[in-house]
N, C-alpha and C. Protein backbone atom coordinates (compact mmCIF):
# COMPACT_ATOMS: atom_id res chain seq x y z
N MET A 1 -3.13 -23.86 -15.85
CA MET A 1 -4.28 -23.66 -14.99
C MET A 1 -5.53 -23.64 -15.88
N ARG A 2 -6.56 -24.32 -15.45
CA ARG A 2 -7.80 -24.37 -16.22
C ARG A 2 -8.86 -23.51 -15.57
N GLY A 3 -9.86 -23.15 -16.38
CA GLY A 3 -10.96 -22.35 -15.84
C GLY A 3 -10.55 -20.91 -15.67
N GLU A 4 -11.21 -20.22 -14.74
CA GLU A 4 -10.93 -18.81 -14.50
C GLU A 4 -9.56 -18.64 -13.85
N PRO A 5 -8.87 -17.53 -14.18
CA PRO A 5 -7.60 -17.29 -13.52
C PRO A 5 -7.79 -17.05 -12.02
N ALA A 6 -6.77 -17.39 -11.27
CA ALA A 6 -6.84 -17.19 -9.81
C ALA A 6 -7.01 -15.72 -9.48
N ARG A 7 -7.65 -15.46 -8.36
CA ARG A 7 -7.79 -14.07 -7.90
C ARG A 7 -6.40 -13.54 -7.57
N PRO A 8 -6.07 -12.36 -8.05
CA PRO A 8 -4.71 -11.85 -7.86
C PRO A 8 -4.47 -11.30 -6.45
N ILE A 9 -3.21 -11.18 -6.14
CA ILE A 9 -2.77 -10.42 -4.98
C ILE A 9 -2.27 -9.10 -5.53
N VAL A 10 -2.88 -8.01 -5.10
CA VAL A 10 -2.53 -6.69 -5.59
C VAL A 10 -1.47 -6.09 -4.69
N ILE A 11 -0.39 -5.66 -5.32
CA ILE A 11 0.69 -4.98 -4.62
C ILE A 11 0.47 -3.48 -4.84
N ALA A 12 0.33 -2.73 -3.77
CA ALA A 12 0.12 -1.27 -3.86
C ALA A 12 1.38 -0.58 -3.37
N ALA A 13 2.16 -0.07 -4.31
CA ALA A 13 3.44 0.55 -3.96
C ALA A 13 3.87 1.47 -5.08
N GLY A 14 4.74 2.36 -4.76
CA GLY A 14 5.26 3.25 -5.79
C GLY A 14 6.28 4.18 -5.23
N GLY A 15 6.50 5.23 -5.97
CA GLY A 15 7.45 6.24 -5.52
C GLY A 15 8.87 5.74 -5.61
N THR A 16 9.62 6.03 -4.60
CA THR A 16 11.04 5.72 -4.60
C THR A 16 11.29 4.30 -4.08
N GLY A 17 12.54 3.90 -4.09
CA GLY A 17 12.92 2.55 -3.73
C GLY A 17 12.54 2.09 -2.34
N GLY A 18 12.48 2.99 -1.38
CA GLY A 18 12.20 2.60 -0.01
C GLY A 18 10.90 1.85 0.15
N HIS A 19 9.90 2.19 -0.64
CA HIS A 19 8.63 1.48 -0.60
C HIS A 19 8.54 0.45 -1.73
N PHE A 20 9.18 0.74 -2.84
CA PHE A 20 9.00 -0.12 -4.01
C PHE A 20 9.86 -1.38 -3.97
N PHE A 21 11.10 -1.30 -3.48
CA PHE A 21 11.96 -2.47 -3.47
C PHE A 21 11.40 -3.62 -2.62
N PRO A 22 10.87 -3.36 -1.42
CA PRO A 22 10.25 -4.47 -0.67
C PRO A 22 9.04 -5.05 -1.41
N ALA A 23 8.30 -4.20 -2.12
CA ALA A 23 7.15 -4.67 -2.88
C ALA A 23 7.60 -5.60 -4.00
N GLU A 24 8.68 -5.23 -4.67
CA GLU A 24 9.23 -6.09 -5.73
C GLU A 24 9.66 -7.44 -5.16
N ALA A 25 10.30 -7.42 -4.00
CA ALA A 25 10.77 -8.67 -3.39
C ALA A 25 9.59 -9.59 -3.07
N LEU A 26 8.52 -9.02 -2.49
CA LEU A 26 7.35 -9.84 -2.19
C LEU A 26 6.71 -10.36 -3.47
N ALA A 27 6.56 -9.50 -4.46
CA ALA A 27 5.95 -9.92 -5.73
C ALA A 27 6.75 -11.05 -6.37
N ALA A 28 8.07 -10.95 -6.37
CA ALA A 28 8.91 -11.99 -6.96
C ALA A 28 8.69 -13.33 -6.26
N GLU A 29 8.60 -13.29 -4.93
CA GLU A 29 8.37 -14.53 -4.18
C GLU A 29 6.97 -15.10 -4.44
N LEU A 30 5.97 -14.22 -4.50
CA LEU A 30 4.61 -14.70 -4.79
C LEU A 30 4.54 -15.33 -6.18
N VAL A 31 5.18 -14.71 -7.16
CA VAL A 31 5.20 -15.26 -8.52
C VAL A 31 5.92 -16.60 -8.51
N ARG A 32 7.04 -16.68 -7.80
CA ARG A 32 7.79 -17.94 -7.71
C ARG A 32 6.91 -19.06 -7.15
N ARG A 33 6.00 -18.69 -6.24
CA ARG A 33 5.11 -19.68 -5.63
C ARG A 33 3.84 -19.92 -6.45
N GLY A 34 3.75 -19.28 -7.61
CA GLY A 34 2.64 -19.55 -8.52
C GLY A 34 1.43 -18.65 -8.37
N HIS A 35 1.54 -17.56 -7.63
CA HIS A 35 0.41 -16.65 -7.45
C HIS A 35 0.32 -15.64 -8.60
N ARG A 36 -0.87 -15.21 -8.88
CA ARG A 36 -1.10 -14.12 -9.84
C ARG A 36 -0.92 -12.81 -9.08
N VAL A 37 -0.11 -11.91 -9.63
CA VAL A 37 0.21 -10.65 -8.98
C VAL A 37 -0.14 -9.50 -9.90
N ALA A 38 -0.72 -8.44 -9.34
CA ALA A 38 -0.98 -7.20 -10.07
C ALA A 38 -0.38 -6.05 -9.26
N LEU A 39 0.01 -4.99 -9.96
CA LEU A 39 0.61 -3.82 -9.30
C LEU A 39 -0.28 -2.62 -9.50
N MET A 40 -0.53 -1.89 -8.40
CA MET A 40 -1.16 -0.58 -8.45
C MET A 40 -0.12 0.40 -7.94
N THR A 41 0.19 1.40 -8.77
CA THR A 41 1.30 2.30 -8.47
C THR A 41 0.97 3.71 -8.90
N ASP A 42 1.95 4.58 -8.82
CA ASP A 42 1.79 5.98 -9.21
C ASP A 42 2.67 6.28 -10.42
N GLY A 43 2.56 7.50 -10.93
CA GLY A 43 3.31 7.89 -12.11
C GLY A 43 4.80 8.02 -11.89
N ARG A 44 5.24 8.22 -10.63
CA ARG A 44 6.67 8.37 -10.37
C ARG A 44 7.40 7.04 -10.34
N SER A 45 6.68 5.98 -10.17
CA SER A 45 7.26 4.67 -9.94
C SER A 45 7.90 4.10 -11.20
N GLY A 46 8.83 3.23 -10.99
CA GLY A 46 9.42 2.48 -12.10
C GLY A 46 8.74 1.15 -12.28
N GLY A 47 7.52 1.02 -11.77
CA GLY A 47 6.81 -0.25 -11.83
C GLY A 47 6.64 -0.81 -13.22
N GLU A 48 6.40 0.07 -14.19
CA GLU A 48 6.20 -0.41 -15.56
C GLU A 48 7.49 -1.00 -16.12
N ARG A 49 8.63 -0.55 -15.60
CA ARG A 49 9.93 -1.01 -16.09
C ARG A 49 10.52 -2.13 -15.23
N SER A 50 9.89 -2.46 -14.15
CA SER A 50 10.40 -3.49 -13.25
C SER A 50 10.30 -4.86 -13.90
N PRO A 51 11.39 -5.62 -13.91
CA PRO A 51 11.33 -6.96 -14.50
C PRO A 51 10.37 -7.88 -13.74
N VAL A 52 10.17 -7.63 -12.46
CA VAL A 52 9.25 -8.46 -11.67
C VAL A 52 7.82 -8.32 -12.18
N PHE A 53 7.45 -7.12 -12.62
CA PHE A 53 6.07 -6.88 -13.06
C PHE A 53 5.93 -6.92 -14.58
N ALA A 54 7.00 -7.23 -15.30
CA ALA A 54 6.94 -7.31 -16.76
C ALA A 54 5.93 -8.39 -17.18
N GLY A 55 5.03 -8.02 -18.06
CA GLY A 55 4.02 -8.97 -18.54
C GLY A 55 2.88 -9.21 -17.57
N ARG A 56 2.85 -8.48 -16.49
CA ARG A 56 1.78 -8.62 -15.49
C ARG A 56 0.87 -7.40 -15.55
N GLU A 57 -0.22 -7.45 -14.81
CA GLU A 57 -1.16 -6.34 -14.77
C GLU A 57 -0.57 -5.21 -13.93
N VAL A 58 -0.40 -4.05 -14.56
CA VAL A 58 0.13 -2.87 -13.88
C VAL A 58 -0.85 -1.73 -14.12
N PHE A 59 -1.28 -1.10 -13.04
CA PHE A 59 -2.25 0.00 -13.10
C PHE A 59 -1.62 1.24 -12.47
N VAL A 60 -1.56 2.33 -13.23
CA VAL A 60 -1.02 3.58 -12.74
C VAL A 60 -2.19 4.45 -12.30
N LEU A 61 -2.23 4.77 -11.01
CA LEU A 61 -3.34 5.52 -10.42
C LEU A 61 -2.97 6.98 -10.20
N ARG A 62 -3.97 7.82 -10.16
CA ARG A 62 -3.77 9.23 -9.81
C ARG A 62 -3.50 9.32 -8.32
N GLY A 63 -2.78 10.36 -7.95
CA GLY A 63 -2.51 10.58 -6.53
C GLY A 63 -1.36 11.55 -6.39
N ALA A 64 -1.16 12.01 -5.19
CA ALA A 64 -0.06 12.92 -4.89
C ALA A 64 0.13 12.96 -3.38
N GLY A 65 1.33 13.28 -2.97
CA GLY A 65 1.62 13.41 -1.56
C GLY A 65 0.98 14.68 -1.00
N VAL A 66 0.57 14.63 0.25
CA VAL A 66 -0.11 15.76 0.87
C VAL A 66 0.83 16.51 1.83
N ALA A 67 1.69 15.81 2.51
CA ALA A 67 2.54 16.42 3.54
C ALA A 67 3.53 17.41 2.94
N GLY A 68 3.79 18.48 3.69
CA GLY A 68 4.80 19.45 3.31
C GLY A 68 4.41 20.36 2.16
N ARG A 69 3.14 20.53 1.92
CA ARG A 69 2.66 21.38 0.84
C ARG A 69 1.85 22.52 1.42
N GLY A 70 1.65 23.54 0.63
CA GLY A 70 0.75 24.60 1.05
C GLY A 70 -0.68 24.11 1.03
N VAL A 71 -1.59 24.91 1.55
CA VAL A 71 -2.99 24.51 1.64
C VAL A 71 -3.57 24.20 0.26
N ARG A 72 -3.32 25.07 -0.70
CA ARG A 72 -3.89 24.88 -2.04
C ARG A 72 -3.38 23.58 -2.67
N ARG A 73 -2.06 23.34 -2.60
CA ARG A 73 -1.51 22.12 -3.19
C ARG A 73 -1.94 20.88 -2.42
N ALA A 74 -2.11 21.00 -1.12
CA ALA A 74 -2.57 19.86 -0.32
C ALA A 74 -4.00 19.50 -0.71
N LEU A 75 -4.84 20.52 -0.95
CA LEU A 75 -6.22 20.24 -1.40
C LEU A 75 -6.23 19.59 -2.77
N GLN A 76 -5.36 20.06 -3.66
CA GLN A 76 -5.25 19.43 -4.98
C GLN A 76 -4.79 17.98 -4.86
N ALA A 77 -3.82 17.74 -3.97
CA ALA A 77 -3.33 16.39 -3.76
C ALA A 77 -4.43 15.50 -3.18
N GLY A 78 -5.22 16.04 -2.26
CA GLY A 78 -6.36 15.29 -1.71
C GLY A 78 -7.35 14.93 -2.80
N GLY A 79 -7.61 15.86 -3.72
CA GLY A 79 -8.50 15.58 -4.85
C GLY A 79 -7.93 14.50 -5.74
N ALA A 80 -6.62 14.53 -5.97
CA ALA A 80 -5.99 13.50 -6.79
C ALA A 80 -6.08 12.13 -6.10
N LEU A 81 -5.89 12.10 -4.78
CA LEU A 81 -6.03 10.84 -4.04
C LEU A 81 -7.46 10.31 -4.10
N ALA A 82 -8.45 11.22 -4.02
CA ALA A 82 -9.85 10.80 -4.13
C ALA A 82 -10.12 10.23 -5.53
N ALA A 83 -9.60 10.90 -6.57
CA ALA A 83 -9.77 10.39 -7.94
C ALA A 83 -9.09 9.04 -8.10
N GLY A 84 -7.89 8.89 -7.51
CA GLY A 84 -7.19 7.61 -7.56
C GLY A 84 -7.94 6.51 -6.83
N THR A 85 -8.62 6.88 -5.76
CA THR A 85 -9.41 5.90 -5.01
C THR A 85 -10.58 5.40 -5.86
N LEU A 86 -11.27 6.29 -6.55
CA LEU A 86 -12.37 5.87 -7.43
C LEU A 86 -11.84 5.03 -8.59
N GLN A 87 -10.72 5.42 -9.13
CA GLN A 87 -10.08 4.66 -10.20
C GLN A 87 -9.74 3.25 -9.70
N ALA A 88 -9.15 3.17 -8.52
CA ALA A 88 -8.77 1.88 -7.93
C ALA A 88 -10.01 1.02 -7.65
N LYS A 89 -11.10 1.64 -7.20
CA LYS A 89 -12.32 0.89 -6.90
C LYS A 89 -12.85 0.21 -8.15
N ARG A 90 -12.85 0.93 -9.27
CA ARG A 90 -13.31 0.32 -10.54
C ARG A 90 -12.43 -0.86 -10.93
N ILE A 91 -11.12 -0.69 -10.82
CA ILE A 91 -10.19 -1.75 -11.20
C ILE A 91 -10.31 -2.94 -10.26
N LEU A 92 -10.37 -2.69 -8.96
CA LEU A 92 -10.48 -3.78 -7.98
C LEU A 92 -11.80 -4.52 -8.15
N GLY A 93 -12.86 -3.80 -8.52
CA GLY A 93 -14.13 -4.47 -8.78
C GLY A 93 -14.03 -5.48 -9.90
N ARG A 94 -13.24 -5.16 -10.92
CA ARG A 94 -13.02 -6.08 -12.04
C ARG A 94 -12.10 -7.23 -11.66
N LEU A 95 -11.03 -6.91 -10.93
CA LEU A 95 -10.02 -7.92 -10.57
C LEU A 95 -10.49 -8.90 -9.52
N GLU A 96 -11.32 -8.44 -8.59
CA GLU A 96 -11.74 -9.24 -7.43
C GLU A 96 -10.52 -9.88 -6.76
N PRO A 97 -9.60 -9.06 -6.24
CA PRO A 97 -8.37 -9.61 -5.66
C PRO A 97 -8.61 -10.41 -4.39
N ALA A 98 -7.72 -11.35 -4.15
CA ALA A 98 -7.76 -12.11 -2.90
C ALA A 98 -7.23 -11.26 -1.75
N ALA A 99 -6.25 -10.39 -2.07
CA ALA A 99 -5.64 -9.55 -1.04
C ALA A 99 -5.00 -8.33 -1.69
N ILE A 100 -4.83 -7.30 -0.88
CA ILE A 100 -4.08 -6.10 -1.27
C ILE A 100 -3.00 -5.91 -0.23
N VAL A 101 -1.77 -5.75 -0.70
CA VAL A 101 -0.66 -5.50 0.20
C VAL A 101 -0.16 -4.09 -0.08
N GLY A 102 -0.36 -3.19 0.90
CA GLY A 102 0.07 -1.80 0.77
C GLY A 102 1.43 -1.62 1.40
N PHE A 103 2.32 -0.94 0.67
CA PHE A 103 3.70 -0.76 1.13
C PHE A 103 4.02 0.65 1.59
N GLY A 104 3.03 1.40 2.01
CA GLY A 104 3.30 2.72 2.56
C GLY A 104 3.44 3.79 1.50
N GLY A 105 3.42 5.03 1.95
CA GLY A 105 3.49 6.15 1.04
C GLY A 105 2.14 6.40 0.39
N TYR A 106 2.02 7.56 -0.24
CA TYR A 106 0.71 7.90 -0.81
C TYR A 106 0.26 6.97 -1.93
N PRO A 107 1.14 6.30 -2.71
CA PRO A 107 0.61 5.42 -3.76
C PRO A 107 -0.21 4.24 -3.24
N SER A 108 -0.02 3.87 -1.97
CA SER A 108 -0.80 2.74 -1.44
C SER A 108 -2.15 3.17 -0.89
N VAL A 109 -2.37 4.48 -0.72
CA VAL A 109 -3.62 4.95 -0.12
C VAL A 109 -4.85 4.66 -1.00
N PRO A 110 -4.87 5.03 -2.28
CA PRO A 110 -6.09 4.77 -3.07
C PRO A 110 -6.51 3.31 -3.13
N PRO A 111 -5.61 2.34 -3.39
CA PRO A 111 -6.08 0.95 -3.42
C PRO A 111 -6.60 0.45 -2.08
N VAL A 112 -5.94 0.86 -0.99
CA VAL A 112 -6.37 0.39 0.34
C VAL A 112 -7.73 1.01 0.70
N LEU A 113 -7.91 2.30 0.44
CA LEU A 113 -9.21 2.92 0.70
C LEU A 113 -10.29 2.33 -0.20
N ALA A 114 -9.96 2.11 -1.46
CA ALA A 114 -10.93 1.53 -2.40
C ALA A 114 -11.38 0.15 -1.96
N ALA A 115 -10.48 -0.62 -1.39
CA ALA A 115 -10.83 -1.96 -0.91
C ALA A 115 -11.91 -1.88 0.16
N ARG A 116 -11.88 -0.82 0.97
CA ARG A 116 -12.88 -0.65 2.02
C ARG A 116 -14.25 -0.32 1.45
N LEU A 117 -14.29 0.15 0.20
CA LEU A 117 -15.56 0.53 -0.43
C LEU A 117 -16.20 -0.59 -1.23
N LEU A 118 -15.49 -1.70 -1.39
CA LEU A 118 -16.01 -2.81 -2.19
C LEU A 118 -17.02 -3.63 -1.40
N GLY A 119 -17.99 -4.21 -2.10
CA GLY A 119 -18.95 -5.09 -1.45
C GLY A 119 -18.27 -6.35 -0.94
N ARG A 120 -17.43 -6.94 -1.78
CA ARG A 120 -16.66 -8.14 -1.41
C ARG A 120 -15.23 -7.68 -1.12
N ARG A 121 -14.97 -7.41 0.14
CA ARG A 121 -13.69 -6.83 0.53
C ARG A 121 -12.57 -7.87 0.52
N PRO A 122 -11.48 -7.54 -0.16
CA PRO A 122 -10.31 -8.41 -0.06
C PRO A 122 -9.59 -8.18 1.26
N ARG A 123 -8.75 -9.11 1.62
CA ARG A 123 -7.92 -8.95 2.82
C ARG A 123 -6.93 -7.82 2.53
N VAL A 124 -6.71 -6.94 3.49
CA VAL A 124 -5.76 -5.84 3.34
C VAL A 124 -4.62 -6.05 4.32
N ILE A 125 -3.41 -6.01 3.77
CA ILE A 125 -2.21 -6.19 4.57
C ILE A 125 -1.36 -4.94 4.38
N LEU A 126 -0.94 -4.34 5.47
CA LEU A 126 -0.11 -3.14 5.39
C LEU A 126 1.30 -3.48 5.84
N HIS A 127 2.25 -3.23 4.96
CA HIS A 127 3.65 -3.43 5.29
C HIS A 127 4.25 -2.06 5.60
N GLU A 128 4.88 -1.95 6.75
CA GLU A 128 5.54 -0.70 7.09
C GLU A 128 6.88 -1.04 7.69
N GLN A 129 7.94 -0.57 7.05
CA GLN A 129 9.27 -0.92 7.51
C GLN A 129 9.66 -0.19 8.79
N THR A 130 8.95 0.86 9.14
CA THR A 130 9.16 1.54 10.42
C THR A 130 7.88 1.38 11.23
N PRO A 131 7.79 0.34 12.04
CA PRO A 131 6.52 0.00 12.69
C PRO A 131 5.96 1.06 13.61
N SER A 132 6.77 1.99 14.08
CA SER A 132 6.23 2.99 15.00
C SER A 132 5.63 4.19 14.27
N SER A 133 5.70 4.24 12.92
CA SER A 133 5.25 5.43 12.21
C SER A 133 3.77 5.72 12.39
N ALA A 134 2.93 4.71 12.45
CA ALA A 134 1.50 4.94 12.63
C ALA A 134 1.08 4.87 14.09
N ALA A 135 1.98 4.41 14.95
CA ALA A 135 1.61 4.19 16.34
C ALA A 135 1.13 5.43 17.08
N PRO A 136 1.82 6.57 16.97
CA PRO A 136 1.35 7.72 17.75
C PRO A 136 -0.04 8.21 17.35
N THR A 137 -0.41 8.08 16.09
CA THR A 137 -1.71 8.57 15.65
C THR A 137 -2.73 7.46 15.53
N GLY A 138 -2.26 6.24 15.28
CA GLY A 138 -3.19 5.14 15.07
C GLY A 138 -3.85 5.20 13.71
N PHE A 139 -3.38 6.09 12.80
CA PHE A 139 -4.02 6.22 11.50
C PHE A 139 -3.55 5.12 10.57
N SER A 140 -4.48 4.57 9.86
CA SER A 140 -4.20 3.63 8.81
C SER A 140 -5.39 3.69 7.86
N PRO A 141 -5.15 3.72 6.54
CA PRO A 141 -6.28 3.74 5.62
C PRO A 141 -7.14 2.48 5.74
N ALA A 142 -6.60 1.42 6.32
CA ALA A 142 -7.37 0.19 6.48
C ALA A 142 -8.23 0.22 7.73
N GLY A 143 -8.14 1.28 8.52
CA GLY A 143 -8.90 1.38 9.75
C GLY A 143 -7.96 1.48 10.93
N PRO A 144 -8.49 1.44 12.16
CA PRO A 144 -7.63 1.55 13.34
C PRO A 144 -6.58 0.45 13.35
N THR A 145 -5.39 0.81 13.73
CA THR A 145 -4.30 -0.16 13.74
C THR A 145 -4.17 -0.80 15.11
N ARG A 146 -3.52 -1.95 15.15
CA ARG A 146 -3.25 -2.59 16.43
C ARG A 146 -2.37 -1.68 17.29
N SER A 147 -1.51 -0.92 16.62
CA SER A 147 -0.64 -0.01 17.37
C SER A 147 -1.48 0.94 18.20
N ARG A 148 -2.58 1.42 17.63
CA ARG A 148 -3.44 2.35 18.36
C ARG A 148 -4.08 1.64 19.55
N GLN A 149 -4.49 0.41 19.34
CA GLN A 149 -5.14 -0.33 20.41
C GLN A 149 -4.13 -0.68 21.51
N ALA A 150 -2.89 -0.97 21.12
CA ALA A 150 -1.90 -1.40 22.09
C ALA A 150 -1.20 -0.23 22.76
N CYS A 151 -1.14 0.90 22.08
CA CYS A 151 -0.38 2.05 22.58
C CYS A 151 -1.30 3.22 22.81
N ARG A 152 -1.76 3.39 24.00
CA ARG A 152 -2.65 4.51 24.33
C ARG A 152 -1.88 5.82 24.46
N THR A 153 -0.60 5.72 24.81
CA THR A 153 0.21 6.93 24.95
C THR A 153 1.50 6.76 24.16
N ARG A 154 2.14 7.87 23.86
CA ARG A 154 3.39 7.81 23.11
C ARG A 154 4.46 7.02 23.89
N SER A 155 4.52 7.18 25.20
CA SER A 155 5.52 6.46 25.98
C SER A 155 5.23 4.95 25.95
N ALA A 156 3.94 4.56 25.93
CA ALA A 156 3.61 3.14 25.83
C ALA A 156 4.07 2.58 24.49
N CYS A 157 3.96 3.38 23.43
CA CYS A 157 4.43 2.93 22.12
C CYS A 157 5.93 2.74 22.13
N ARG A 158 6.65 3.66 22.76
CA ARG A 158 8.10 3.53 22.83
C ARG A 158 8.48 2.27 23.60
N ARG A 159 7.74 1.97 24.69
CA ARG A 159 8.05 0.77 25.47
C ARG A 159 7.79 -0.49 24.67
N SER A 160 6.85 -0.44 23.71
CA SER A 160 6.51 -1.64 22.95
C SER A 160 7.48 -1.92 21.81
N GLN A 161 8.38 -0.96 21.52
CA GLN A 161 9.34 -1.15 20.45
C GLN A 161 10.52 -1.99 20.94
N PRO A 162 11.12 -2.80 20.04
CA PRO A 162 12.27 -3.56 20.47
C PRO A 162 13.43 -2.62 20.79
N PRO A 163 14.31 -3.02 21.74
CA PRO A 163 15.43 -2.15 22.08
C PRO A 163 16.36 -1.96 20.89
N ARG A 164 16.93 -0.78 20.80
CA ARG A 164 17.88 -0.49 19.70
C ARG A 164 19.21 -1.13 19.99
N SER A 165 19.87 -1.52 18.93
CA SER A 165 21.22 -2.04 19.05
C SER A 165 22.14 -0.91 19.48
N PRO A 166 23.18 -1.19 20.28
CA PRO A 166 24.10 -0.11 20.66
C PRO A 166 24.75 0.56 19.46
N ALA A 167 24.86 -0.17 18.34
CA ALA A 167 25.49 0.38 17.13
C ALA A 167 24.54 1.30 16.37
N THR A 168 23.23 1.22 16.67
CA THR A 168 22.25 2.03 15.96
C THR A 168 22.27 3.44 16.53
N PRO A 169 22.40 4.47 15.67
CA PRO A 169 22.41 5.85 16.18
C PRO A 169 21.08 6.27 16.74
């Protein structure tokens, strides 16, 4: 490739395998198709050791989970997420990504929020393996979700979900 490198696609994922494994799969396919990929993750993640991200841009951001903590620890976690968001904003400003793909969990919050603060906003894509998780509240760091617009009530959200297989508990 000649000239400036292509604008990367930033993968925002971390924590345990439930969020990280789908991110690795997408990154591997994007690399196979010739895209430049960067990872924004947290300290718990194995992103630095992942063969998919070996030799690629990997950024470890500050952050912490908020749910299930006492008030004091939740406030500390909120402060860490705010610091991670500022950290991500500086990095994204340098990278000028074409897109950010968030894979859920708190490690994806700082990059997605930071993208909203940039002058030249990249496309933000949110991957959620349980599509009804944001539906009841309509919360998404990227802004109001389609689930919120489509589901005004909890029962409407349930009706919009595909039927469960009889084998599914």
